[in-house]
C-alpha cells in the first residue's frame, strides 16, 4: 500500500476546518480533511446573516461555497 504524505491534516469539516483547508490550499500545501460529513453544525443553520462578505446565506450553501474554493 502506498502512503501519501500531507503538509496539513485537518480533523473536522465545520466552518473552522473548511476555513483552515481554504487557507492551506492558497499556500499550495497538500491537505487532507478528515470528517464524516461536510460542514458540521454549519449545515443545520437555516440563515447566516453575519458572515464577512456575504449578506445572507444558508449554512449548507456557505459550506458548499467554501468547499469549492478550497
PDB file of N, CA and C in Angstrom:
ATOM      1  N   UNK A   1       0.830  -1.180   0.000  1.00  0.00           N
ATOM      2  CA  UNK A   1       0.000   0.000   0.000  1.00  0.00           C
ATOM      3  C   UNK A   1       0.876   1.244   0.000  1.00  0.00           C
ATOM      4  N   UNK A   2       0.600   2.142  -0.922  1.00  0.00           N
ATOM      5  CA  UNK A   2       1.351   3.392  -0.982  1.00  0.00           C
ATOM      6  C   UNK A   2       0.843   4.360   0.077  1.00  0.00           C
ATOM      7  N   UNK A   3       1.768   5.030   0.732  1.00  0.00           N
ATOM      8  CA  UNK A   3       1.391   6.034   1.718  1.00  0.00           C
ATOM      9  C   UNK A   3       1.639   7.405   1.127  1.00  0.00           C
ATOM     10  N   UNK A   4       0.714   8.313   1.353  1.00  0.00           N
ATOM     11  CA  UNK A   4       0.873   9.676   0.881  1.00  0.00           C
ATOM     12  C   UNK A   4       1.153  10.572   2.074  1.00  0.00           C
ATOM     13  N   UNK A   5       2.094  11.465   1.912  1.00  0.00           N
ATOM     14  CA  UNK A   5       2.408  12.438   2.953  1.00  0.00           C
ATOM     15  C   UNK A   5       1.673  13.738   2.665  1.00  0.00           C
ATOM     16  N   UNK A   6       1.166  14.368   3.705  1.00  0.00           N
ATOM     17  CA  UNK A   6       0.463  15.643   3.580  1.00  0.00           C
ATOM     18  C   UNK A   6       1.186  16.695   4.403  1.00  0.00           C
ATOM     19  N   UNK A   7       1.146  17.932   3.923  1.00  0.00           N
ATOM     20  CA  UNK A   7       1.685  19.046   4.697  1.00  0.00           C
ATOM     21  C   UNK A   7       0.776  19.369   5.880  1.00  0.00           C
ATOM     22  N   UNK A   8      -0.525  19.209   5.653  1.00  0.00           N
ATOM     23  CA  UNK A   8      -1.520  19.577   6.658  1.00  0.00           C
ATOM     24  C   UNK A   8      -2.621  18.535   6.712  1.00  0.00           C
ATOM     25  N   UNK A   9      -2.993  18.116   7.912  1.00  0.00           N
ATOM     26  CA  UNK A   9      -4.148  17.237   8.100  1.00  0.00           C
ATOM     27  C   UNK A   9      -5.103  17.964   9.044  1.00  0.00           C
ATOM     28  N   UNK A  10      -6.336  18.142   8.580  1.00  0.00           N
ATOM     29  CA  UNK A  10      -7.346  18.869   9.338  1.00  0.00           C
ATOM     30  C   UNK A  10      -8.429  17.884   9.760  1.00  0.00           C
ATOM     31  N   UNK A  11      -8.736  17.867  11.036  1.00  0.00           N
ATOM     32  CA  UNK A  11      -9.783  16.988  11.552  1.00  0.00           C
ATOM     33  C   UNK A  11     -11.045  17.822  11.743  1.00  0.00           C
ATOM     34  N   UNK A  12     -12.069  17.489  10.966  1.00  0.00           N
ATOM     35  CA  UNK A  12     -13.345  18.194  11.035  1.00  0.00           C
ATOM     36  C   UNK A  12     -13.541  19.111   9.848  1.00  0.00           C
ATOM     37  N   UNK A  13     -14.763  19.107   9.322  1.00  0.00           N
ATOM     38  CA  UNK A  13     -15.084  19.938   8.163  1.00  0.00           C
ATOM     39  C   UNK A  13     -16.189  20.930   8.492  1.00  0.00           C
ATOM     40  N   UNK A  14     -16.148  21.442   9.729  1.00  0.00           N
ATOM     41  CA  UNK A  14     -17.039  22.536  10.090  1.00  0.00           C
ATOM     42  C   UNK A  14     -16.457  23.829   9.532  1.00  0.00           C
ATOM     43  N   UNK A  15     -16.995  24.955   9.949  1.00  0.00           N
ATOM     44  CA  UNK A  15     -16.544  26.235   9.410  1.00  0.00           C
ATOM     45  C   UNK A  15     -15.053  26.461   9.671  1.00  0.00           C
ATOM     46  N   UNK A  16     -14.552  26.061  10.827  1.00  0.00           N
ATOM     47  CA  UNK A  16     -13.127  26.246  11.131  1.00  0.00           C
ATOM     48  C   UNK A  16     -12.255  25.334  10.284  1.00  0.00           C
ATOM     49  N   UNK A  17     -12.638  24.062  10.172  1.00  0.00           N
ATOM     50  CA  UNK A  17     -11.873  23.124   9.361  1.00  0.00           C
ATOM     51  C   UNK A  17     -11.862  23.508   7.893  1.00  0.00           C
ATOM     52  N   UNK A  18     -13.024  23.918   7.368  1.00  0.00           N
ATOM     53  CA  UNK A  18     -13.098  24.334   5.967  1.00  0.00           C
ATOM     54  C   UNK A  18     -12.285  25.600   5.720  1.00  0.00           C
ATOM     55  N   UNK A  19     -12.332  26.538   6.663  1.00  0.00           N
ATOM     56  CA  UNK A  19     -11.535  27.762   6.531  1.00  0.00           C
ATOM     57  C   UNK A  19     -10.045  27.444   6.559  1.00  0.00           C
ATOM     58  N   UNK A  20      -9.641  26.537   7.449  1.00  0.00           N
ATOM     59  CA  UNK A  20      -8.237  26.131   7.509  1.00  0.00           C
ATOM     60  C   UNK A  20      -7.808  25.471   6.199  1.00  0.00           C
ATOM     61  N   UNK A  21      -8.669  24.623   5.637  1.00  0.00           N
ATOM     62  CA  UNK A  21      -8.359  23.967   4.364  1.00  0.00           C
ATOM     63  C   UNK A  21      -8.237  24.984   3.238  1.00  0.00           C
ATOM     64  N   UNK A  22      -9.103  25.982   3.239  1.00  0.00           N
ATOM     65  CA  UNK A  22      -9.055  27.030   2.227  1.00  0.00           C
ATOM     66  C   UNK A  22      -7.726  27.775   2.285  1.00  0.00           C
ATOM     67  N   UNK A  23      -7.322  28.184   3.472  1.00  0.00           N
ATOM     68  CA  UNK A  23      -6.060  28.911   3.608  1.00  0.00           C
ATOM     69  C   UNK A  23      -4.857  28.023   3.307  1.00  0.00           C
ATOM     70  N   UNK A  24      -4.913  26.754   3.669  1.00  0.00           N
ATOM     71  CA  UNK A  24      -3.820  25.826   3.346  1.00  0.00           C
ATOM     72  C   UNK A  24      -3.690  25.662   1.838  1.00  0.00           C
ATOM     73  N   UNK A  25      -4.818  25.545   1.143  1.00  0.00           N
ATOM     74  CA  UNK A  25      -4.759  25.377  -0.313  1.00  0.00           C
ATOM     75  C   UNK A  25      -4.226  26.632  -0.991  1.00  0.00           C
ATOM     76  N   UNK A  26      -4.532  27.790  -0.442  1.00  0.00           N
ATOM     77  CA  UNK A  26      -3.995  29.043  -1.003  1.00  0.00           C
ATOM     78  C   UNK A  26      -2.475  29.102  -0.881  1.00  0.00           C
ATOM     79  N   UNK A  27      -1.945  28.415   0.123  1.00  0.00           N
ATOM     80  CA  UNK A  27      -0.494  28.365   0.310  1.00  0.00           C
ATOM     81  C   UNK A  27       0.141  27.181  -0.424  1.00  0.00           C
ATOM     82  N   UNK A  28      -0.663  26.496  -1.234  1.00  0.00           N
ATOM     83  CA  UNK A  28      -0.204  25.346  -2.030  1.00  0.00           C
ATOM     84  C   UNK A  28       0.278  24.185  -1.158  1.00  0.00           C
ATOM     85  N   UNK A  29      -0.330  24.021   0.018  1.00  0.00           N
ATOM     86  CA  UNK A  29       0.001  22.903   0.894  1.00  0.00           C
ATOM     87  C   UNK A  29      -0.876  21.712   0.534  1.00  0.00           C
ATOM     88  N   UNK A  30      -0.290  20.526   0.486  1.00  0.00           N
ATOM     89  CA  UNK A  30      -1.117  19.331   0.274  1.00  0.00           C
ATOM     90  C   UNK A  30      -1.881  19.083   1.569  1.00  0.00           C
ATOM     91  N   UNK A  31      -3.199  18.977   1.442  1.00  0.00           N
ATOM     92  CA  UNK A  31      -4.064  18.986   2.620  1.00  0.00           C
ATOM     93  C   UNK A  31      -5.050  17.836   2.590  1.00  0.00           C
ATOM     94  N   UNK A  32      -5.236  17.205   3.731  1.00  0.00           N
ATOM     95  CA  UNK A  32      -6.236  16.161   3.904  1.00  0.00           C
ATOM     96  C   UNK A  32      -7.209  16.624   4.981  1.00  0.00           C
ATOM     97  N   UNK A  33      -8.509  16.610   4.649  1.00  0.00           N
ATOM     98  CA  UNK A  33      -9.546  16.934   5.622  1.00  0.00           C
ATOM     99  C   UNK A  33     -10.245  15.636   5.996  1.00  0.00           C
ATOM    100  N   UNK A  34     -10.277  15.334   7.289  1.00  0.00           N
ATOM    101  CA  UNK A  34     -10.920  14.119   7.779  1.00  0.00           C
ATOM    102  C   UNK A  34     -12.216  14.515   8.485  1.00  0.00           C
ATOM    103  N   UNK A  35     -13.329  14.011   7.965  1.00  0.00           N
ATOM    104  CA  UNK A  35     -14.633  14.307   8.551  1.00  0.00           C
ATOM    105  C   UNK A  35     -15.656  13.331   8.011  1.00  0.00           C
ATOM    106  N   UNK A  36     -16.663  13.029   8.799  1.00  0.00           N
ATOM    107  CA  UNK A  36     -17.700  12.127   8.299  1.00  0.00           C
ATOM    108  C   UNK A  36     -18.685  12.852   7.395  1.00  0.00           C
ATOM    109  N   UNK A  37     -18.792  14.177   7.537  1.00  0.00           N
ATOM    110  CA  UNK A  37     -19.661  14.928   6.640  1.00  0.00           C
ATOM    111  C   UNK A  37     -19.210  16.381   6.535  1.00  0.00           C
ATOM    112  N   UNK A  38     -19.610  17.026   5.461  1.00  0.00           N
ATOM    113  CA  UNK A  38     -19.217  18.396   5.169  1.00  0.00           C
ATOM    114  C   UNK A  38     -20.010  19.394   5.999  1.00  0.00           C
ATOM    115  N   UNK A  39     -19.326  20.342   6.574  1.00  0.00           N
ATOM    116  CA  UNK A  39     -19.994  21.476   7.190  1.00  0.00           C
ATOM    117  C   UNK A  39     -20.269  21.407   8.671  1.00  0.00           C
ATOM    118  N   UNK A  40     -20.281  20.221   9.254  1.00  0.00           N
ATOM    119  CA  UNK A  40     -20.562  20.097  10.684  1.00  0.00           C
ATOM    120  C   UNK A  40     -21.887  20.733  11.055  1.00  0.00           C
ATOM    121  N   UNK A  41     -21.923  21.438  12.160  1.00  0.00           N
ATOM    122  CA  UNK A  41     -23.145  22.101  12.631  1.00  0.00           C
ATOM    123  C   UNK A  41     -23.599  23.213  11.690  1.00  0.00           C
ATOM    124  N   UNK A  42     -22.676  23.703  10.879  1.00  0.00           N
ATOM    125  CA  UNK A  42     -22.999  24.775   9.938  1.00  0.00           C
ATOM    126  C   UNK A  42     -24.151  24.394   9.016  1.00  0.00           C
ATOM    127  N   UNK A  43     -24.200  23.139   8.589  1.00  0.00           N
ATOM    128  CA  UNK A  43     -25.235  22.706   7.646  1.00  0.00           C
ATOM    129  C   UNK A  43     -26.630  22.689   8.269  1.00  0.00           C
ATOM    130  N   UNK A  44     -26.713  22.734   9.585  1.00  0.00           N
ATOM    131  CA  UNK A  44     -28.003  22.738  10.267  1.00  0.00           C
ATOM    132  C   UNK A  44     -28.549  24.147  10.486  1.00  0.00           C
ATOM    133  N   UNK A  45     -27.764  25.148  10.113  1.00  0.00           N
ATOM    134  CA  UNK A  45     -28.157  26.538  10.313  1.00  0.00           C
ATOM    135  C   UNK A  45     -28.952  27.034   9.113  1.00  0.00           C
ATOM    136  N   UNK A  46     -30.173  27.497   9.365  1.00  0.00           N
ATOM    137  CA  UNK A  46     -31.043  27.950   8.276  1.00  0.00           C
ATOM    138  C   UNK A  46     -30.559  29.233   7.618  1.00  0.00           C
ATOM    139  N   UNK A  47     -30.153  30.204   8.418  1.00  0.00           N
ATOM    140  CA  UNK A  47     -29.810  31.509   7.865  1.00  0.00           C
ATOM    141  C   UNK A  47     -28.636  32.118   8.622  1.00  0.00           C
ATOM    142  N   UNK A  48     -27.621  32.524   7.869  1.00  0.00           N
ATOM    143  CA  UNK A  48     -26.460  33.211   8.436  1.00  0.00           C
ATOM    144  C   UNK A  48     -26.454  34.612   7.844  1.00  0.00           C
ATOM    145  N   UNK A  49     -26.477  35.615   8.705  1.00  0.00           N
ATOM    146  CA  UNK A  49     -26.525  36.997   8.228  1.00  0.00           C
ATOM    147  C   UNK A  49     -25.324  37.822   8.688  1.00  0.00           C
ATOM    148  N   UNK A  50     -24.329  37.179   9.273  1.00  0.00           N
ATOM    149  CA  UNK A  50     -23.203  37.945   9.799  1.00  0.00           C
ATOM    150  C   UNK A  50     -21.852  37.383   9.370  1.00  0.00           C
ATOM    151  N   UNK A  51     -21.795  36.673   8.242  1.00  0.00           N
ATOM    152  CA  UNK A  51     -20.512  36.156   7.769  1.00  0.00           C
ATOM    153  C   UNK A  51     -19.875  37.216   6.880  1.00  0.00           C
ATOM    154  N   UNK A  52     -18.617  37.579   7.121  1.00  0.00           N
ATOM    155  CA  UNK A  52     -17.977  38.656   6.360  1.00  0.00           C
ATOM    156  C   UNK A  52     -18.051  38.425   4.844  1.00  0.00           C
ATOM    157  N   UNK A  53     -18.490  39.443   4.142  1.00  0.00           N
ATOM    158  CA  UNK A  53     -18.530  39.398   2.684  1.00  0.00           C
ATOM    159  C   UNK A  53     -19.782  38.776   2.100  1.00  0.00           C
ATOM    160  N   UNK A  54     -20.661  38.251   2.948  1.00  0.00           N
ATOM    161  CA  UNK A  54     -21.889  37.616   2.466  1.00  0.00           C
ATOM    162  C   UNK A  54     -23.061  38.223   3.230  1.00  0.00           C
ATOM    163  N   UNK A  55     -24.040  38.746   2.478  1.00  0.00           N
ATOM    164  CA  UNK A  55     -25.172  39.415   3.119  1.00  0.00           C
ATOM    165  C   UNK A  55     -26.064  38.445   3.885  1.00  0.00           C
ATOM    166  N   UNK A  56     -26.474  37.347   3.232  1.00  0.00           N
ATOM    167  CA  UNK A  56     -27.372  36.374   3.847  1.00  0.00           C
ATOM    168  C   UNK A  56     -27.247  35.056   3.092  1.00  0.00           C
ATOM    169  N   UNK A  57     -27.118  33.934   3.818  1.00  0.00           N
ATOM    170  CA  UNK A  57     -26.894  32.642   3.166  1.00  0.00           C
ATOM    171  C   UNK A  57     -27.275  31.518   4.136  1.00  0.00           C
ATOM    172  N   UNK A  58     -27.671  30.377   3.598  1.00  0.00           N
ATOM    173  CA  UNK A  58     -27.924  29.218   4.463  1.00  0.00           C
ATOM    174  C   UNK A  58     -26.586  28.591   4.850  1.00  0.00           C
ATOM    175  N   UNK A  59     -26.574  27.876   5.942  1.00  0.00           N
ATOM    176  CA  UNK A  59     -25.345  27.223   6.388  1.00  0.00           C
ATOM    177  C   UNK A  59     -24.823  26.223   5.377  1.00  0.00           C
ATOM    178  N   UNK A  60     -25.712  25.433   4.783  1.00  0.00           N
ATOM    179  CA  UNK A  60     -25.300  24.444   3.787  1.00  0.00           C
ATOM    180  C   UNK A  60     -24.687  25.119   2.569  1.00  0.00           C
ATOM    181  N   UNK A  61     -25.298  26.196   2.092  1.00  0.00           N
ATOM    182  CA  UNK A  61     -24.758  26.911   0.932  1.00  0.00           C
ATOM    183  C   UNK A  61     -23.386  27.496   1.228  1.00  0.00           C
ATOM    184  N   UNK A  62     -23.208  28.029   2.431  1.00  0.00           N
ATOM    185  CA  UNK A  62     -21.907  28.579   2.812  1.00  0.00           C
ATOM    186  C   UNK A  62     -20.853  27.478   2.845  1.00  0.00           C
ATOM    187  N   UNK A  63     -21.176  26.335   3.427  1.00  0.00           N
ATOM    188  CA  UNK A  63     -20.233  25.213   3.471  1.00  0.00           C
ATOM    189  C   UNK A  63     -19.859  24.776   2.061  1.00  0.00           C
ATOM    190  N   UNK A  64     -20.820  24.721   1.154  1.00  0.00           N
ATOM    191  CA  UNK A  64     -20.546  24.316  -0.228  1.00  0.00           C
ATOM    192  C   UNK A  64     -19.674  25.337  -0.943  1.00  0.00           C
ATOM    193  N   UNK A  65     -19.902  26.631  -0.711  1.00  0.00           N
ATOM    194  CA  UNK A  65     -19.073  27.672  -1.325  1.00  0.00           C
ATOM    195  C   UNK A  65     -17.620  27.552  -0.851  1.00  0.00           C
ATOM    196  N   UNK A  66     -17.439  27.346   0.441  1.00  0.00           N
ATOM    197  CA  UNK A  66     -16.085  27.235   0.985  1.00  0.00           C
ATOM    198  C   UNK A  66     -15.405  25.985   0.436  1.00  0.00           C
ATOM    199  N   UNK A  67     -16.131  24.881   0.330  1.00  0.00           N
ATOM    200  CA  UNK A  67     -15.552  23.648  -0.216  1.00  0.00           C
ATOM    201  C   UNK A  67     -15.080  23.864  -1.649  1.00  0.00           C
ATOM    202  N   UNK A  68     -15.859  24.560  -2.462  1.00  0.00           N
ATOM    203  CA  UNK A  68     -15.467  24.831  -3.851  1.00  0.00           C
ATOM    204  C   UNK A  68     -14.191  25.654  -3.916  1.00  0.00           C
ATOM    205  N   UNK A  69     -14.045  26.625  -3.017  1.00  0.00           N
ATOM    206  CA  UNK A  69     -12.856  27.474  -3.009  1.00  0.00           C
ATOM    207  C   UNK A  69     -11.617  26.709  -2.588  1.00  0.00           C
ATOM    208  N   UNK A  70     -11.790  25.781  -1.668  1.00  0.00           N
ATOM    209  CA  UNK A  70     -10.644  25.011  -1.171  1.00  0.00           C
ATOM    210  C   UNK A  70     -10.226  24.011  -2.214  1.00  0.00           C
TER     211      UNK A  70
END
